[in-house]
Amino acid sequence: MISAGDMPETVDVDQSPDGFMFSHKGFSIFEILIALFLMAVAIAPMINAFSPAVISTGEEEKMVVFTNQARFTLNRVSNLPFATLNANQADPVNLETLFGSSAEAAKETFSFRGASYTPQVAIASGGGAGLLELSARAGDIALKTLKAEF
């Protein structure tokens, strides 16, 4: 026979409609703070490990954008007639004069992270008769090509 002293301690338990048992006891604020502290200790080194990658990705994005814009400008300039380029040799070239209008020159301006940039174009003699050196600089990126009269 089981006496009252042998009875297990009662716990306030309810049964949910789907048959699961749950207790009214929960986590104390101390247990929650300990869990948050442990998660912070685990996550902080991961954040420090990824921060250099995020910074270098931003710099690479800038380099790609400026390289593509310099390439675009250089291609537009190299498609102009040789006579036009030869008549506008300068460092830097006035883009309105080179392209013939301010609307065409404005196509070279681009925005990156809230700032506007316009590539600088230079046209110089390429060292021989009928040869010009074209260069476009956007930020720290400079691209060059040669254009021949043919």
C-alpha atoms as a PDB file:
ATOM      1  CA  MET A   1       0.000   0.000   0.000  1.00  0.00           C
ATOM      2  CA  ILE A   2       1.251   3.504  -0.865  1.00  0.00           C
ATOM      3  CA  SER A   3       1.267   6.058   1.880  1.00  0.00           C
ATOM      4  CA  ALA A   4       0.942   9.841   1.443  1.00  0.00           C
ATOM      5  CA  GLY A   5       4.703  10.239   2.044  1.00  0.00           C
ATOM      6  CA  ASP A   6       5.463   7.969  -0.927  1.00  0.00           C
ATOM      7  CA  MET A   7       3.436  10.078  -3.346  1.00  0.00           C
ATOM      8  CA  PRO A   8       5.485  12.129  -5.787  1.00  0.00           C
ATOM      9  CA  GLU A   9       5.382  15.885  -5.530  1.00  0.00           C
ATOM     10  CA  THR A  10       2.597  17.304  -7.670  1.00  0.00           C
ATOM     11  CA  VAL A  11       3.381  19.651 -10.508  1.00  0.00           C
ATOM     12  CA  ASP A  12       0.836  22.047 -11.940  1.00  0.00           C
ATOM     13  CA  VAL A  13       0.338  20.487 -15.386  1.00  0.00           C
ATOM     14  CA  ASP A  14      -2.324  21.113 -18.012  1.00  0.00           C
ATOM     15  CA  GLN A  15      -3.117  19.114 -21.067  1.00  0.00           C
ATOM     16  CA  SER A  16      -3.432  20.935 -24.384  1.00  0.00           C
ATOM     17  CA  PRO A  17      -6.229  20.071 -26.820  1.00  0.00           C
ATOM     18  CA  ASP A  18      -3.788  18.064 -28.955  1.00  0.00           C
ATOM     19  CA  GLY A  19      -2.734  15.906 -26.009  1.00  0.00           C
ATOM     20  CA  PHE A  20       0.620  17.498 -25.109  1.00  0.00           C
ATOM     21  CA  MET A  21       1.431  18.152 -21.505  1.00  0.00           C
ATOM     22  CA  PHE A  22       2.930  21.478 -20.509  1.00  0.00           C
ATOM     23  CA  SER A  23       3.863  23.153 -17.263  1.00  0.00           C
ATOM     24  CA  HIS A  24       3.116  26.652 -16.057  1.00  0.00           C
ATOM     25  CA  LYS A  25       6.701  26.901 -14.947  1.00  0.00           C
ATOM     26  CA  GLY A  26       8.867  28.998 -17.321  1.00  0.00           C
ATOM     27  CA  PHE A  27      12.375  30.334 -17.584  1.00  0.00           C
ATOM     28  CA  SER A  28      13.535  32.832 -15.042  1.00  0.00           C
ATOM     29  CA  ILE A  29      14.956  36.184 -16.145  1.00  0.00           C
ATOM     30  CA  PHE A  30      18.356  34.985 -14.945  1.00  0.00           C
ATOM     31  CA  GLU A  31      18.257  31.951 -17.257  1.00  0.00           C
ATOM     32  CA  ILE A  32      17.249  34.139 -20.187  1.00  0.00           C
ATOM     33  CA  LEU A  33      20.104  36.572 -19.489  1.00  0.00           C
ATOM     34  CA  ILE A  34      22.609  33.714 -19.284  1.00  0.00           C
ATOM     35  CA  ALA A  35      21.366  32.359 -22.646  1.00  0.00           C
ATOM     36  CA  LEU A  36      21.637  35.802 -24.262  1.00  0.00           C
ATOM     37  CA  PHE A  37      25.139  36.254 -22.880  1.00  0.00           C
ATOM     38  CA  LEU A  38      26.258  32.876 -24.259  1.00  0.00           C
ATOM     39  CA  MET A  39      24.786  33.693 -27.680  1.00  0.00           C
ATOM     40  CA  ALA A  40      26.543  37.087 -27.683  1.00  0.00           C
ATOM     41  CA  VAL A  41      29.861  35.442 -26.800  1.00  0.00           C
ATOM     42  CA  ALA A  42      29.388  33.008 -29.690  1.00  0.00           C
ATOM     43  CA  ILE A  43      28.206  35.563 -32.274  1.00  0.00           C
ATOM     44  CA  ALA A  44      30.717  38.381 -31.606  1.00  0.00           C
ATOM     45  CA  PRO A  45      33.735  36.525 -33.082  1.00  0.00           C
ATOM     46  CA  MET A  46      31.721  35.640 -36.179  1.00  0.00           C
ATOM     47  CA  ILE A  47      30.863  39.302 -36.754  1.00  0.00           C
ATOM     48  CA  ASN A  48      34.527  40.244 -36.378  1.00  0.00           C
ATOM     49  CA  ALA A  49      35.494  37.522 -38.839  1.00  0.00           C
ATOM     50  CA  PHE A  50      33.113  38.781 -41.537  1.00  0.00           C
ATOM     51  CA  SER A  51      33.753  42.529 -41.238  1.00  0.00           C
ATOM     52  CA  PRO A  52      36.959  42.590 -43.381  1.00  0.00           C
ATOM     53  CA  ALA A  53      35.106  40.750 -46.140  1.00  0.00           C
ATOM     54  CA  VAL A  54      32.296  43.301 -46.098  1.00  0.00           C
ATOM     55  CA  ILE A  55      34.774  46.189 -46.285  1.00  0.00           C
ATOM     56  CA  SER A  56      36.731  44.656 -49.176  1.00  0.00           C
ATOM     57  CA  THR A  57      33.520  43.875 -51.037  1.00  0.00           C
ATOM     58  CA  GLY A  58      32.588  47.569 -50.881  1.00  0.00           C
ATOM     59  CA  GLU A  59      35.970  48.574 -52.312  1.00  0.00           C
ATOM     60  CA  GLU A  60      35.703  45.965 -55.057  1.00  0.00           C
ATOM     61  CA  GLU A  61      32.249  47.234 -55.963  1.00  0.00           C
ATOM     62  CA  LYS A  62      33.651  50.760 -56.336  1.00  0.00           C
ATOM     63  CA  MET A  63      36.511  49.497 -58.488  1.00  0.00           C
ATOM     64  CA  VAL A  64      34.117  47.581 -60.779  1.00  0.00           C
ATOM     65  CA  VAL A  65      31.731  50.529 -61.169  1.00  0.00           C
ATOM     66  CA  PHE A  66      34.535  52.994 -61.950  1.00  0.00           C
ATOM     67  CA  THR A  67      36.264  50.567 -64.338  1.00  0.00           C
ATOM     68  CA  ASN A  68      33.053  49.950 -66.258  1.00  0.00           C
ATOM     69  CA  GLN A  69      32.321  53.680 -66.493  1.00  0.00           C
ATOM     70  CA  ALA A  70      35.862  54.440 -67.692  1.00  0.00           C
ATOM     71  CA  ARG A  71      35.524  51.629 -70.263  1.00  0.00           C
ATOM     72  CA  PHE A  72      32.164  53.002 -71.433  1.00  0.00           C
ATOM     73  CA  THR A  73      33.601  56.513 -71.821  1.00  0.00           C
ATOM     74  CA  LEU A  74      36.695  55.245 -73.612  1.00  0.00           C
ATOM     75  CA  ASN A  75      34.542  53.237 -76.048  1.00  0.00           C
ATOM     76  CA  ARG A  76      32.357  56.281 -76.794  1.00  0.00           C
ATOM     77  CA  VAL A  77      35.416  58.454 -77.404  1.00  0.00           C
ATOM     78  CA  SER A  78      37.148  55.859 -79.580  1.00  0.00           C
ATOM     79  CA  ASN A  79      34.037  55.602 -81.780  1.00  0.00           C
ATOM     80  CA  LEU A  80      34.322  59.282 -82.717  1.00  0.00           C
ATOM     81  CA  PRO A  81      35.970  60.143 -86.060  1.00  0.00           C
ATOM     82  CA  PHE A  82      39.761  60.448 -86.022  1.00  0.00           C
ATOM     83  CA  ALA A  83      39.575  64.036 -87.311  1.00  0.00           C
ATOM     84  CA  THR A  84      37.381  65.076 -84.350  1.00  0.00           C
ATOM     85  CA  LEU A  85      39.761  63.451 -81.870  1.00  0.00           C
ATOM     86  CA  ASN A  86      42.831  64.950 -83.557  1.00  0.00           C
ATOM     87  CA  ALA A  87      41.288  68.440 -83.421  1.00  0.00           C
ATOM     88  CA  ASN A  88      40.500  68.116 -79.697  1.00  0.00           C
ATOM     89  CA  GLN A  89      43.840  66.940 -78.305  1.00  0.00           C
ATOM     90  CA  ALA A  90      44.088  68.085 -74.688  1.00  0.00           C
ATOM     91  CA  ASP A  91      44.485  66.841 -71.124  1.00  0.00           C
ATOM     92  CA  PRO A  92      41.686  66.949 -69.988  1.00  0.00           C
ATOM     93  CA  VAL A  93      39.385  67.267 -72.980  1.00  0.00           C
ATOM     94  CA  ASN A  94      36.242  69.398 -72.784  1.00  0.00           C
ATOM     95  CA  LEU A  95      33.546  66.729 -73.184  1.00  0.00           C
ATOM     96  CA  GLU A  96      30.943  69.201 -74.508  1.00  0.00           C
ATOM     97  CA  THR A  97      33.268  70.190 -77.339  1.00  0.00           C
ATOM     98  CA  LEU A  98      34.259  66.591 -78.003  1.00  0.00           C
ATOM     99  CA  PHE A  99      30.727  65.157 -78.120  1.00  0.00           C
ATOM    100  CA  GLY A 100      29.154  68.258 -79.675  1.00  0.00           C
ATOM    101  CA  SER A 101      26.561  69.074 -76.991  1.00  0.00           C
ATOM    102  CA  SER A 102      26.116  69.287 -73.266  1.00  0.00           C
ATOM    103  CA  ALA A 103      23.385  66.615 -73.448  1.00  0.00           C
ATOM    104  CA  GLU A 104      25.831  64.128 -74.963  1.00  0.00           C
ATOM    105  CA  ALA A 105      28.546  65.101 -72.468  1.00  0.00           C
ATOM    106  CA  ALA A 106      26.095  64.642 -69.584  1.00  0.00           C
ATOM    107  CA  LYS A 107      25.727  60.959 -70.530  1.00  0.00           C
ATOM    108  CA  GLU A 108      29.202  60.407 -69.090  1.00  0.00           C
ATOM    109  CA  THR A 109      28.243  61.565 -65.585  1.00  0.00           C
ATOM    110  CA  PHE A 110      27.311  58.783 -63.177  1.00  0.00           C
ATOM    111  CA  SER A 111      26.366  58.493 -59.508  1.00  0.00           C
ATOM    112  CA  PHE A 112      27.908  56.171 -56.976  1.00  0.00           C
ATOM    113  CA  ARG A 113      26.877  56.097 -53.316  1.00  0.00           C
ATOM    114  CA  GLY A 114      25.243  59.508 -53.503  1.00  0.00           C
ATOM    115  CA  ALA A 115      28.095  61.333 -55.269  1.00  0.00           C
ATOM    116  CA  SER A 116      28.304  62.301 -58.944  1.00  0.00           C
ATOM    117  CA  TYR A 117      31.399  61.596 -60.995  1.00  0.00           C
ATOM    118  CA  THR A 118      32.431  62.522 -64.537  1.00  0.00           C
ATOM    119  CA  PRO A 119      35.358  60.675 -66.104  1.00  0.00           C
ATOM    120  CA  GLN A 120      38.241  62.775 -67.415  1.00  0.00           C
ATOM    121  CA  VAL A 121      39.297  62.147 -70.986  1.00  0.00           C
ATOM    122  CA  ALA A 122      42.721  62.945 -72.430  1.00  0.00           C
ATOM    123  CA  ILE A 123      43.774  62.792 -76.068  1.00  0.00           C
ATOM    124  CA  ALA A 124      47.475  62.939 -76.977  1.00  0.00           C
ATOM    125  CA  SER A 125      49.657  62.102 -79.919  1.00  0.00           C
ATOM    126  CA  GLY A 126      50.376  58.402 -80.002  1.00  0.00           C
ATOM    127  CA  GLY A 127      53.991  58.806 -81.020  1.00  0.00           C
ATOM    128  CA  GLY A 128      53.561  58.391 -84.760  1.00  0.00           C
ATOM    129  CA  ALA A 129      51.747  60.024 -87.600  1.00  0.00           C
ATOM    130  CA  GLY A 130      48.110  58.989 -87.665  1.00  0.00           C
ATOM    131  CA  LEU A 131      48.116  57.572 -84.135  1.00  0.00           C
ATOM    132  CA  LEU A 132      46.397  59.005 -81.041  1.00  0.00           C
ATOM    133  CA  GLU A 133      46.498  57.865 -77.425  1.00  0.00           C
ATOM    134  CA  LEU A 134      43.086  58.050 -75.750  1.00  0.00           C
ATOM    135  CA  SER A 135      42.726  57.764 -71.998  1.00  0.00           C
ATOM    136  CA  ALA A 136      39.774  57.874 -69.615  1.00  0.00           C
ATOM    137  CA  ARG A 137      40.101  58.275 -65.863  1.00  0.00           C
ATOM    138  CA  ALA A 138      37.265  57.616 -63.424  1.00  0.00           C
ATOM    139  CA  GLY A 139      38.385  58.017 -59.827  1.00  0.00           C
ATOM    140  CA  ASP A 140      41.544  55.946 -59.343  1.00  0.00           C
ATOM    141  CA  ILE A 141      40.930  53.886 -62.494  1.00  0.00           C
ATOM    142  CA  ALA A 142      42.689  54.925 -65.706  1.00  0.00           C
ATOM    143  CA  LEU A 143      42.303  53.125 -69.026  1.00  0.00           C
ATOM    144  CA  LYS A 144      44.185  53.832 -72.266  1.00  0.00           C
ATOM    145  CA  THR A 145      43.930  52.782 -75.876  1.00  0.00           C
ATOM    146  CA  LEU A 146      45.322  53.819 -79.229  1.00  0.00           C
ATOM    147  CA  LYS A 147      43.317  55.039 -82.213  1.00  0.00           C
ATOM    148  CA  ALA A 148      44.777  54.943 -85.697  1.00  0.00           C
ATOM    149  CA  GLU A 149      43.764  56.978 -88.704  1.00  0.00           C
ATOM    150  CA  PHE A 150      42.687  54.603 -91.429  1.00  0.00           C
END
